[in-house]
Every structure is written in structure tokens, then in C-alpha cells.
Amino acid sequence: MSDDNAQPTDGLWSRLRLIEGQPLAARADAYTAVHDELFRRLESGAKLDSHEKSASGDR
């Protein structure tokens, strides 16, 4: 089961909520920017910070 109250610690959740309040064309551009940033982070092998590790790794 997932915790519906869990929120990302890096500001992603607030960023997505901000994007949702924008007009459609701006939203599309903003989601593309988020996608590109997350893709670069994954491709670079960026490590999770210790808080994210403990939240996702101790199951």
C-alpha cells in the first residue's frame, strides 16, 4: 500500500501543483521541462539524499 499523504521532499509536488494552475500551452511546456530535468537526473546517476533513501529503501 502507498501512503497518499507522502510528498516528494525536493519540491516536485509543489512544482507540479503550480504547473496545474497554468494555461494549457504553458502547462505542456512546463511538464516537458520537468520531464527533461528528471530524465537528466536519472541518466546522470544522481544519488538520492539520505532522507529519500530512508523513505524508499527501508521496506
C-alpha atoms as a PDB file:
ATOM      1  CA  MET A   1       0.000   0.000   0.000  1.00  0.00           C
ATOM      2  CA  SER A   2       1.086   3.549  -0.621  1.00  0.00           C
ATOM      3  CA  ASP A   3       0.873   6.496   1.701  1.00  0.00           C
ATOM      4  CA  ASP A   4      -1.422   9.021  -0.001  1.00  0.00           C
ATOM      5  CA  ASN A   5      -0.057  11.809   2.196  1.00  0.00           C
ATOM      6  CA  ALA A   6       3.565  11.248   1.151  1.00  0.00           C
ATOM      7  CA  GLN A   7       5.079  14.189  -0.715  1.00  0.00           C
ATOM      8  CA  PRO A   8       8.413  14.445  -2.507  1.00  0.00           C
ATOM      9  CA  THR A   9      10.990  16.313  -0.463  1.00  0.00           C
ATOM     10  CA  ASP A  10      12.653  18.138  -3.352  1.00  0.00           C
ATOM     11  CA  GLY A  11       9.804  20.497  -4.223  1.00  0.00           C
ATOM     12  CA  LEU A  12       8.437  18.341  -7.039  1.00  0.00           C
ATOM     13  CA  TRP A  13       4.961  18.164  -5.543  1.00  0.00           C
ATOM     14  CA  SER A  14       4.623  21.932  -5.178  1.00  0.00           C
ATOM     15  CA  ARG A  15       6.092  22.420  -8.641  1.00  0.00           C
ATOM     16  CA  LEU A  16       3.508  20.076 -10.177  1.00  0.00           C
ATOM     17  CA  ARG A  17       0.683  21.836  -8.344  1.00  0.00           C
ATOM     18  CA  LEU A  18       1.930  25.169  -9.663  1.00  0.00           C
ATOM     19  CA  ILE A  19       2.047  23.791 -13.204  1.00  0.00           C
ATOM     20  CA  GLU A  20      -1.537  22.545 -12.930  1.00  0.00           C
ATOM     21  CA  GLY A  21      -2.711  26.122 -12.362  1.00  0.00           C
ATOM     22  CA  GLN A  22      -1.250  27.355 -15.649  1.00  0.00           C
ATOM     23  CA  PRO A  23      -2.982  27.646 -19.049  1.00  0.00           C
ATOM     24  CA  LEU A  24      -2.767  24.521 -21.220  1.00  0.00           C
ATOM     25  CA  ALA A  25       0.064  25.658 -23.520  1.00  0.00           C
ATOM     26  CA  ALA A  26       2.204  26.795 -20.582  1.00  0.00           C
ATOM     27  CA  ARG A  27       1.403  23.558 -18.756  1.00  0.00           C
ATOM     28  CA  ALA A  28       2.653  21.483 -21.677  1.00  0.00           C
ATOM     29  CA  ASP A  29       5.937  23.405 -21.778  1.00  0.00           C
ATOM     30  CA  ALA A  30       6.352  23.167 -18.004  1.00  0.00           C
ATOM     31  CA  TYR A  31       5.717  19.404 -17.953  1.00  0.00           C
ATOM     32  CA  THR A  32       8.244  18.994 -20.762  1.00  0.00           C
ATOM     33  CA  ALA A  33      10.793  20.888 -18.670  1.00  0.00           C
ATOM     34  CA  VAL A  34      10.076  18.697 -15.618  1.00  0.00           C
ATOM     35  CA  HIS A  35      10.402  15.562 -17.741  1.00  0.00           C
ATOM     36  CA  ASP A  36      13.704  16.715 -19.213  1.00  0.00           C
ATOM     37  CA  GLU A  37      15.105  17.603 -15.792  1.00  0.00           C
ATOM     38  CA  LEU A  38      14.098  14.258 -14.258  1.00  0.00           C
ATOM     39  CA  PHE A  39      15.477  12.403 -17.273  1.00  0.00           C
ATOM     40  CA  ARG A  40      18.834  14.178 -16.926  1.00  0.00           C
ATOM     41  CA  ARG A  41      18.933  13.359 -13.201  1.00  0.00           C
ATOM     42  CA  LEU A  42      18.237   9.685 -13.860  1.00  0.00           C
ATOM     43  CA  GLU A  43      20.744   9.477 -16.694  1.00  0.00           C
ATOM     44  CA  SER A  44      23.458  11.148 -14.635  1.00  0.00           C
ATOM     45  CA  GLY A  45      23.049   8.556 -11.904  1.00  0.00           C
ATOM     46  CA  ALA A  46      22.284  11.225  -9.328  1.00  0.00           C
ATOM     47  CA  LYS A  47      22.152   9.723  -5.875  1.00  0.00           C
ATOM     48  CA  LEU A  48      19.158  10.084  -3.581  1.00  0.00           C
ATOM     49  CA  ASP A  49      19.743  12.154  -0.486  1.00  0.00           C
ATOM     50  CA  SER A  50      19.666  10.304   2.849  1.00  0.00           C
ATOM     51  CA  HIS A  51      16.045  11.298   3.606  1.00  0.00           C
ATOM     52  CA  GLU A  52      14.832   9.909   0.271  1.00  0.00           C
ATOM     53  CA  LYS A  53      16.862   6.725   0.775  1.00  0.00           C
ATOM     54  CA  SER A  54      15.311   6.057   4.177  1.00  0.00           C
ATOM     55  CA  ALA A  55      11.811   6.766   2.860  1.00  0.00           C
ATOM     56  CA  SER A  56      12.103   4.413  -0.113  1.00  0.00           C
ATOM     57  CA  GLY A  57      14.734   1.859   0.844  1.00  0.00           C
ATOM     58  CA  ASP A  58      13.637   0.593   4.250  1.00  0.00           C
ATOM     59  CA  ARG A  59      10.767  -1.641   3.203  1.00  0.00           C
END
